[in-house]
Amino acid sequence: MKNQIRTTVVSLLIIAVFFTYITPFVVAEVEAGDPSKTDPGGPSDNQQQGMGNNTGHMGGPGGNQTGDQNQSGPGEPGYGDKNETTKDHNQYNYQTREMTIIGEGNSTRIRSQYRNNNTEETFEFYFNIDNAPLLQLSYIPTSQAFFQLPHFSLVIEQLLEYIDINANGKYDRNDVVLSTLVMSNATFANITYTNSTTPEGKTITILETHTLDTLFSIVIYVAREHTSLFNTILTPEEIKIDFNIVGYPFVNQTSQLALITVVETPFSITPEQTTSDEQKGRANQESGLNISSGAHRGFFSWANGATIDNLSRPVNVTVLTETEQTFTGDTQETMTQTQVIFSYPRGDVISHDPKIGVLDILQDIFPAVLQFEYLSALYVIACIVSATVFYGVIRFRKRH
């Protein structure tokens, strides 16, 4: 009996000590990873309220919007057309995050590194306009590595005008194509870079490029911390993209437009009606693709609606997947290509906002159940049980 009591007491003491040391560590992780701990502000109600004055804080790679001069706001470096770097560094109690943006006229690299004690994870967004606009998400083995592990690529392939033969509101193979804008044949202006301050006082870097006739433009938003942006919360693990179509020269009065994009990856692609950002309360009314490997998960998601001539209208999306097998000697490689076709209602000004990003980085290493409230409760219970057992043992010994 005495041995059993002693064993119980020792076990409870070990549990109490364990929670004493582990609780602060997990609290730091929760505070670093939970946007509710770091960003009490909710998403803005409309697009005009989501950002501050874009021209008031010029800086970062590229200088001003025209790219002809090298201007910068107070305290912000201007880079012109040279390959320069701007860094942002945030440190939590047990975790460090660093973001580096390397900008040029035709390409941009946005590298984020998360380090937790001796464990680190680094990923990179790459944007290039030399050919058809390309966005690539890669994982990097170490922060000093010179090679990447491409996870998936997103190519903005073409914009086409079509007649909706079966009137289903989306582009199908049998619809009649009237005109096209093939992105690889178009010339895009050099990427410009602007730093803008949100109403919350947080900085967002805005990248923009467009065809020379400004018919089609791409705007990319990069946040260095959880930030309310328009009707969503943007995190450092993702970038927001705006596709803007202005004044398309329709050749038919009843036609409409479709934007064809292609996702290419060696990993599995799973369509999702509810995105991870929706599940976390960061966004509403999104759909997307989950792109998973054995160790990493990336995503390409999009809003279910677009702004058409200042009105919110639904977007019909077609997802077509093909898998190719290639053989090099005895090595077999599988590559999945998925066409994501956005079909927009007819309009003169069309704006749609997808996102790409990563999931399961170091800040999400602990499951939700191991949050501070649960650990604190278990810690208190362990202490109470230990104290009760000690009191019982003392009384037992005194009686015998």
Protein backbone atom coordinates (compact mmCIF):
# COMPACT_ATOMS: atom_id res chain seq x y z
CA MET A 1 0.00 0.00 0.00
CA LYS A 2 2.80 2.40 0.97
CA ASN A 3 4.67 1.65 -2.27
CA GLN A 4 1.56 2.39 -4.32
CA ILE A 5 1.09 5.70 -2.56
CA ARG A 6 4.72 6.67 -3.06
CA THR A 7 4.53 5.74 -6.77
CA THR A 8 1.40 7.86 -7.18
CA VAL A 9 2.99 10.84 -5.44
CA VAL A 10 6.14 10.67 -7.57
CA SER A 11 4.09 10.37 -10.78
CA LEU A 12 1.99 13.40 -9.91
CA LEU A 13 5.07 15.40 -9.02
CA ILE A 14 6.60 14.57 -12.41
CA ILE A 15 3.39 15.70 -14.15
CA ALA A 16 3.36 18.96 -12.18
CA VAL A 17 6.99 19.69 -13.02
CA PHE A 18 6.39 18.85 -16.69
CA PHE A 19 3.54 21.34 -16.98
CA THR A 20 5.53 23.93 -15.07
CA TYR A 21 8.23 23.91 -17.75
CA ILE A 22 6.17 23.22 -20.87
CA THR A 23 3.40 25.80 -20.34
CA PRO A 24 5.50 28.95 -21.01
CA PHE A 25 6.88 27.38 -24.18
CA VAL A 26 3.43 26.63 -25.61
CA VAL A 27 2.10 30.04 -24.56
CA ALA A 28 4.82 31.64 -26.69
CA GLU A 29 3.86 29.42 -29.64
CA VAL A 30 0.14 30.25 -29.30
CA GLU A 31 0.80 33.97 -29.09
CA ALA A 32 3.06 33.83 -32.14
CA GLY A 33 0.69 31.80 -34.27
CA ASP A 34 -2.80 32.96 -33.27
CA PRO A 35 -3.91 36.13 -35.05
CA SER A 36 -6.37 36.87 -32.25
CA LYS A 37 -3.39 37.27 -29.90
CA THR A 38 -1.44 39.58 -32.18
CA ASP A 39 -4.08 41.38 -34.23
CA PRO A 40 -7.19 42.33 -32.29
CA GLY A 41 -8.58 44.30 -35.21
CA GLY A 42 -11.07 42.59 -37.51
CA PRO A 43 -11.21 42.80 -41.26
CA SER A 44 -12.33 46.09 -42.79
CA ASP A 45 -15.80 46.43 -44.21
CA ASN A 46 -14.86 47.50 -47.71
CA GLN A 47 -11.90 47.83 -49.98
CA GLN A 48 -11.55 51.58 -49.59
CA GLN A 49 -11.13 51.29 -45.84
CA GLY A 50 -8.62 48.45 -46.01
CA MET A 51 -5.55 50.51 -46.93
CA GLY A 52 -4.01 53.84 -46.16
CA ASN A 53 -2.69 56.29 -48.72
CA ASN A 54 -0.63 54.28 -51.20
CA THR A 55 1.39 57.29 -52.26
CA GLY A 56 2.21 58.47 -48.78
CA HIS A 57 4.85 55.85 -48.01
CA MET A 58 6.86 55.21 -51.11
CA GLY A 59 9.76 52.82 -50.75
CA GLY A 60 10.99 49.28 -51.06
CA PRO A 61 12.34 47.96 -54.32
CA GLY A 62 11.31 49.92 -57.39
CA GLY A 63 10.92 53.45 -56.05
CA ASN A 64 7.80 55.20 -57.32
CA GLN A 65 4.96 53.76 -59.35
CA THR A 66 6.42 54.82 -62.71
CA GLY A 67 9.80 53.24 -62.01
CA ASP A 68 11.55 56.19 -63.72
CA GLN A 69 12.79 57.84 -60.56
CA ASN A 70 14.21 56.59 -57.33
CA GLN A 71 12.09 58.08 -54.56
CA SER A 72 11.42 56.87 -51.09
CA GLY A 73 9.54 57.97 -48.03
CA PRO A 74 11.12 58.91 -44.70
CA GLY A 75 13.24 56.05 -43.42
CA GLU A 76 12.42 53.83 -46.39
CA PRO A 77 15.11 52.78 -48.91
CA GLY A 78 14.51 53.29 -52.62
CA TYR A 79 16.05 50.76 -54.99
CA GLY A 80 15.32 51.75 -58.58
CA ASP A 81 15.97 48.84 -60.93
CA LYS A 82 18.81 47.23 -58.99
CA ASN A 83 18.67 43.92 -57.21
CA GLU A 84 18.40 45.08 -53.60
CA THR A 85 17.02 43.62 -50.42
CA THR A 86 14.69 44.85 -47.71
CA LYS A 87 14.44 42.84 -44.50
CA ASP A 88 11.91 42.56 -41.73
CA HIS A 89 12.66 40.73 -38.48
CA ASN A 90 10.22 39.72 -35.75
CA GLN A 91 11.16 37.78 -32.65
CA TYR A 92 8.91 36.04 -30.14
CA ASN A 93 9.91 34.44 -26.85
CA TYR A 94 10.76 31.09 -28.41
CA GLN A 95 10.44 31.78 -32.12
CA THR A 96 12.08 34.04 -34.71
CA ARG A 97 10.63 35.06 -38.08
CA GLU A 98 12.53 36.89 -40.80
CA MET A 99 11.17 38.15 -44.14
CA THR A 100 13.35 39.31 -47.04
CA ILE A 101 12.07 40.90 -50.25
CA ILE A 102 14.46 41.00 -53.22
CA GLY A 103 12.99 43.08 -56.04
CA GLU A 104 13.89 43.70 -59.66
CA GLY A 105 11.99 45.09 -62.61
CA ASN A 106 11.01 41.69 -63.98
CA SER A 107 10.99 39.49 -60.87
CA THR A 108 10.61 39.41 -57.09
CA ARG A 109 11.62 36.95 -54.38
CA ILE A 110 9.86 37.04 -51.03
CA ARG A 111 11.60 34.72 -48.57
CA SER A 112 10.24 33.94 -45.09
CA GLN A 113 12.16 32.01 -42.46
CA TYR A 114 10.69 30.62 -39.24
CA ARG A 115 13.06 29.37 -36.58
CA ASN A 116 12.09 27.63 -33.34
CA ASN A 117 15.14 26.82 -31.21
CA ASN A 118 17.20 24.51 -33.49
CA THR A 119 14.36 23.86 -35.95
CA GLU A 120 13.69 26.13 -38.90
CA GLU A 121 11.51 26.24 -41.98
CA THR A 122 12.04 28.57 -44.91
CA PHE A 123 9.82 29.13 -47.92
CA GLU A 124 9.83 31.56 -50.84
CA PHE A 125 7.37 33.20 -53.20
CA TYR A 126 8.82 33.97 -56.64
CA PHE A 127 7.10 36.25 -59.14
CA ASN A 128 8.34 36.65 -62.73
CA ILE A 129 6.93 38.43 -65.81
CA ASP A 130 9.54 37.53 -68.45
CA ASN A 131 7.08 35.20 -70.14
CA ALA A 132 3.51 34.56 -69.01
CA PRO A 133 3.26 35.88 -65.41
CA LEU A 134 4.48 33.17 -63.06
CA LEU A 135 4.04 32.75 -59.31
CA GLN A 136 6.00 29.93 -57.67
CA LEU A 137 5.98 28.66 -54.10
CA SER A 138 9.14 26.82 -52.98
CA TYR A 139 10.45 25.31 -49.77
CA ILE A 140 14.14 25.82 -48.96
CA PRO A 141 16.03 23.22 -46.87
CA THR A 142 17.99 25.88 -44.92
CA SER A 143 18.09 29.66 -44.91
CA GLN A 144 21.56 29.58 -46.51
CA ALA A 145 20.73 27.05 -49.22
CA PHE A 146 21.26 27.96 -52.87
CA PHE A 147 18.67 25.52 -54.18
CA GLN A 148 14.91 25.29 -53.76
CA LEU A 149 12.28 22.59 -53.60
CA PRO A 150 9.51 23.94 -55.86
CA HIS A 151 6.15 23.05 -54.40
CA PHE A 152 3.86 24.40 -57.11
CA SER A 153 3.76 27.01 -59.87
CA LEU A 154 0.84 29.19 -60.89
CA VAL A 155 0.90 30.53 -64.47
CA ILE A 156 -1.54 33.22 -65.62
CA GLU A 157 -1.95 31.84 -69.11
CA GLN A 158 -4.57 33.74 -71.11
CA LEU A 159 -7.66 35.91 -71.06
CA LEU A 160 -10.34 35.05 -73.58
CA GLU A 161 -13.66 36.41 -74.80
CA TYR A 162 -16.28 33.76 -75.51
CA ILE A 163 -19.94 33.13 -76.28
CA ASP A 164 -21.58 31.00 -73.58
CA ILE A 165 -23.31 28.52 -75.90
CA ASN A 166 -25.09 26.50 -73.18
CA ALA A 167 -25.74 29.56 -70.97
CA ASN A 168 -24.28 27.93 -67.86
CA GLY A 169 -22.29 31.03 -66.92
CA LYS A 170 -18.85 29.53 -67.41
CA TYR A 171 -16.38 28.73 -70.13
CA ASP A 172 -16.63 25.21 -71.57
CA ARG A 173 -14.69 23.47 -74.30
CA ASN A 174 -17.61 23.80 -76.72
CA ASP A 175 -18.06 27.56 -76.22
CA VAL A 176 -17.10 29.84 -79.09
CA VAL A 177 -13.91 31.85 -78.49
CA LEU A 178 -14.02 35.27 -80.14
CA SER A 179 -10.76 36.89 -79.03
CA THR A 180 -7.85 36.16 -76.72
CA LEU A 181 -5.05 37.86 -74.84
CA VAL A 182 -2.24 35.32 -74.58
CA MET A 183 -0.10 36.48 -71.66
CA SER A 184 3.14 35.07 -73.05
CA ASN A 185 2.68 37.33 -76.09
CA ALA A 186 1.95 40.43 -74.02
CA THR A 187 4.56 42.85 -72.69
CA PHE A 188 4.32 43.75 -69.02
CA ALA A 189 5.65 46.93 -67.44
CA ASN A 190 8.41 46.63 -64.86
CA ILE A 191 7.21 45.64 -61.42
CA THR A 192 6.75 48.60 -59.10
CA TYR A 193 6.90 48.49 -55.31
CA THR A 194 5.07 50.61 -52.76
CA ASN A 195 4.93 50.52 -48.97
CA SER A 196 1.50 51.41 -47.61
CA THR A 197 0.33 51.84 -44.01
CA THR A 198 -3.00 50.33 -42.98
CA PRO A 199 -5.40 52.06 -40.53
CA GLU A 200 -3.98 49.69 -37.89
CA GLY A 201 -0.54 51.19 -38.42
CA LYS A 202 0.90 48.10 -40.09
CA THR A 203 2.97 48.13 -43.27
CA ILE A 204 2.04 46.26 -46.43
CA THR A 205 4.28 46.04 -49.50
CA ILE A 206 2.38 46.30 -52.80
CA LEU A 207 3.80 44.95 -56.06
CA GLU A 208 2.13 45.94 -59.34
CA THR A 209 2.59 45.23 -63.03
CA HIS A 210 0.34 45.59 -66.05
CA THR A 211 0.23 45.12 -69.80
CA LEU A 212 1.45 48.20 -71.65
CA ASP A 213 -2.12 49.10 -72.61
CA THR A 214 -3.21 48.63 -68.92
CA LEU A 215 -5.87 46.17 -70.06
CA PHE A 216 -4.73 43.53 -67.55
CA SER A 217 -2.89 44.16 -64.31
CA ILE A 218 -1.63 42.09 -61.38
CA VAL A 219 -1.34 43.54 -57.88
CA ILE A 220 0.33 41.56 -55.08
CA TYR A 221 0.05 42.39 -51.38
CA VAL A 222 2.69 41.22 -48.88
CA ALA A 223 2.20 41.53 -45.10
CA ARG A 224 4.95 41.14 -42.51
CA GLU A 225 2.44 40.43 -39.73
CA HIS A 226 -1.25 39.54 -39.40
CA THR A 227 -3.01 42.48 -41.03
CA SER A 228 -6.61 43.39 -41.86
CA LEU A 229 -6.78 43.91 -45.60
CA PHE A 230 -10.07 44.66 -47.33
CA ASN A 231 -12.47 41.91 -46.16
CA THR A 232 -9.81 39.38 -45.08
CA ILE A 233 -6.86 39.00 -42.72
CA LEU A 234 -3.57 38.66 -44.56
CA THR A 235 -0.72 36.73 -42.90
CA PRO A 236 3.03 36.50 -43.59
CA GLU A 237 2.50 32.92 -44.81
CA GLU A 238 0.50 34.00 -47.86
CA ILE A 239 0.29 36.69 -50.52
CA LYS A 240 -2.88 38.25 -51.87
CA ILE A 241 -3.23 38.78 -55.63
CA ASP A 242 -5.60 41.07 -57.52
CA PHE A 243 -6.41 40.32 -61.15
CA ASN A 244 -7.75 43.53 -62.74
CA ILE A 245 -9.30 43.74 -66.22
CA VAL A 246 -10.13 47.24 -67.47
CA GLY A 247 -11.77 48.15 -70.77
CA TYR A 248 -11.57 44.87 -72.63
CA PRO A 249 -12.34 45.50 -76.36
CA PHE A 250 -15.29 43.12 -76.74
CA VAL A 251 -16.12 42.13 -80.31
CA ASN A 252 -19.60 40.92 -79.40
CA GLN A 253 -22.33 42.53 -77.28
CA THR A 254 -23.31 39.30 -75.47
CA SER A 255 -19.90 37.74 -74.84
CA GLN A 256 -18.09 37.46 -71.51
CA LEU A 257 -14.55 36.86 -70.25
CA ALA A 258 -12.65 33.93 -68.78
CA LEU A 259 -9.18 33.98 -67.23
CA ILE A 260 -7.25 30.71 -67.58
CA THR A 261 -4.58 29.89 -65.01
CA VAL A 262 -2.54 26.69 -64.66
CA VAL A 263 -1.25 25.11 -61.45
CA GLU A 264 1.64 22.67 -61.94
CA THR A 265 3.03 20.46 -59.18
CA PRO A 266 4.49 16.97 -58.61
CA PHE A 267 2.26 16.65 -55.55
CA SER A 268 -1.40 15.88 -55.00
CA ILE A 269 -4.08 18.54 -55.57
CA THR A 270 -7.37 18.48 -53.67
CA PRO A 271 -10.19 20.97 -54.38
CA GLU A 272 -11.68 22.58 -51.25
CA GLN A 273 -15.02 24.34 -50.86
CA THR A 274 -13.96 25.67 -47.45
CA THR A 275 -10.42 27.01 -47.18
CA SER A 276 -8.07 26.97 -44.21
CA ASP A 277 -8.41 30.76 -43.84
CA GLU A 278 -12.18 30.36 -43.63
CA GLN A 279 -11.83 27.71 -40.93
CA LYS A 280 -9.56 30.07 -38.96
CA GLY A 281 -11.95 33.01 -39.35
CA ARG A 282 -9.60 34.99 -41.59
CA ALA A 283 -11.79 35.04 -44.70
CA ASN A 284 -15.30 34.39 -45.99
CA GLN A 285 -16.71 32.80 -49.12
CA GLU A 286 -13.55 31.24 -50.53
CA SER A 287 -12.71 28.11 -52.48
CA GLY A 288 -9.35 26.70 -53.45
CA LEU A 289 -6.87 23.92 -54.03
CA ASN A 290 -4.88 22.16 -51.32
CA ILE A 291 -1.49 21.15 -52.72
CA SER A 292 0.14 18.59 -50.42
CA SER A 293 3.38 16.66 -50.24
CA GLY A 294 4.48 14.33 -47.47
CA ALA A 295 5.94 17.17 -45.39
CA HIS A 296 4.35 20.39 -46.65
CA ARG A 297 1.02 21.86 -47.66
CA GLY A 298 0.51 24.83 -49.93
CA PHE A 299 -2.67 26.33 -51.29
CA PHE A 300 -4.13 28.40 -54.10
CA SER A 301 -7.45 29.94 -53.11
CA TRP A 302 -9.82 32.55 -54.52
CA ALA A 303 -12.85 34.59 -53.54
CA ASN A 304 -16.16 33.19 -54.76
CA GLY A 305 -17.15 36.65 -55.97
CA ALA A 306 -15.56 39.43 -58.03
CA THR A 307 -16.17 43.16 -58.22
CA ILE A 308 -17.76 43.91 -61.61
CA ASP A 309 -18.31 47.62 -62.29
CA ASN A 310 -18.42 48.29 -58.52
CA LEU A 311 -20.92 45.49 -57.87
CA SER A 312 -20.17 42.14 -56.20
CA ARG A 313 -20.99 39.31 -58.59
CA PRO A 314 -20.44 35.53 -58.32
CA VAL A 315 -17.53 33.93 -60.17
CA ASN A 316 -17.95 30.52 -61.80
CA VAL A 317 -14.81 28.40 -61.63
CA THR A 318 -13.89 25.32 -63.65
CA VAL A 319 -11.10 23.03 -62.39
CA LEU A 320 -9.63 20.58 -64.91
CA THR A 321 -6.81 18.25 -63.82
CA GLU A 322 -4.45 16.17 -65.93
CA THR A 323 -1.62 13.95 -64.72
CA GLU A 324 1.44 13.21 -66.83
CA GLN A 325 3.96 10.40 -66.34
CA THR A 326 7.52 10.92 -67.56
CA PHE A 327 10.37 8.39 -67.52
CA THR A 328 14.09 9.15 -67.37
CA GLY A 329 15.86 5.82 -67.45
CA ASP A 330 14.51 3.91 -64.46
CA THR A 331 13.16 7.08 -62.83
CA GLN A 332 9.46 7.82 -63.07
CA GLU A 333 8.13 11.31 -62.42
CA THR A 334 4.54 12.41 -62.08
CA MET A 335 3.47 15.98 -62.79
CA THR A 336 -0.06 17.25 -62.24
CA GLN A 337 -1.37 20.16 -64.26
CA THR A 338 -4.62 21.75 -63.17
CA GLN A 339 -6.41 24.41 -65.17
CA VAL A 340 -8.33 26.84 -62.98
CA ILE A 341 -10.65 28.85 -65.23
CA PHE A 342 -12.34 31.93 -63.77
CA SER A 343 -15.45 32.92 -65.70
CA TYR A 344 -16.53 36.50 -65.01
CA PRO A 345 -19.82 38.25 -65.70
CA ARG A 346 -19.47 40.85 -68.43
CA GLY A 347 -18.24 44.25 -67.30
CA ASP A 348 -15.93 47.13 -68.09
CA VAL A 349 -13.93 46.95 -64.83
CA ILE A 350 -13.38 43.49 -63.30
CA SER A 351 -11.39 42.82 -60.13
CA HIS A 352 -10.83 39.41 -58.53
CA ASP A 353 -8.56 38.43 -55.64
CA PRO A 354 -6.94 34.99 -55.26
CA LYS A 355 -4.21 34.06 -52.73
CA ILE A 356 -1.37 31.57 -52.53
CA GLY A 357 0.41 30.46 -49.38
CA VAL A 358 1.60 27.70 -47.07
CA LEU A 359 0.12 25.77 -44.18
CA ASP A 360 1.65 23.88 -41.24
CA ILE A 361 4.67 26.07 -40.60
CA LEU A 362 6.46 25.99 -37.24
CA GLN A 363 4.06 28.33 -35.50
CA ASP A 364 1.32 25.74 -35.95
CA ILE A 365 3.44 22.91 -34.56
CA PHE A 366 1.13 22.35 -31.58
CA PRO A 367 -2.46 21.21 -32.07
CA ALA A 368 -5.22 23.55 -31.03
CA VAL A 369 -6.10 21.49 -27.97
CA LEU A 370 -2.75 22.38 -26.40
CA GLN A 371 -3.62 26.02 -26.00
CA PHE A 372 -2.84 28.08 -22.95
CA GLU A 373 -6.25 27.74 -21.35
CA TYR A 374 -6.15 23.94 -21.47
CA LEU A 375 -2.58 23.72 -20.23
CA SER A 376 -3.24 26.13 -17.40
CA ALA A 377 -6.23 24.08 -16.27
CA LEU A 378 -4.24 20.84 -16.37
CA TYR A 379 -1.37 22.48 -14.54
CA VAL A 380 -3.65 23.70 -11.74
CA ILE A 381 -5.35 20.30 -11.48
CA ALA A 382 -1.98 18.54 -11.24
CA CYS A 383 -0.87 20.87 -8.44
CA ILE A 384 -4.12 20.42 -6.52
CA VAL A 385 -3.97 16.63 -6.85
CA SER A 386 -0.32 16.60 -5.74
CA ALA A 387 -1.09 18.75 -2.71
CA THR A 388 -4.08 16.57 -1.78
CA VAL A 389 -2.03 13.39 -2.01
CA PHE A 390 0.74 14.88 0.13
CA TYR A 391 -1.81 15.91 2.74
CA GLY A 392 -3.35 12.43 2.69
CA VAL A 393 0.05 10.73 3.05
CA ILE A 394 0.96 12.88 6.06
CA ARG A 395 -2.34 12.12 7.81
CA PHE A 396 -2.02 8.43 7.00
CA ARG A 397 1.46 8.27 8.56
CA LYS A 398 0.36 10.10 11.68
CA ARG A 399 -2.50 7.65 12.26
CA HIS A 400 -0.26 4.60 11.81
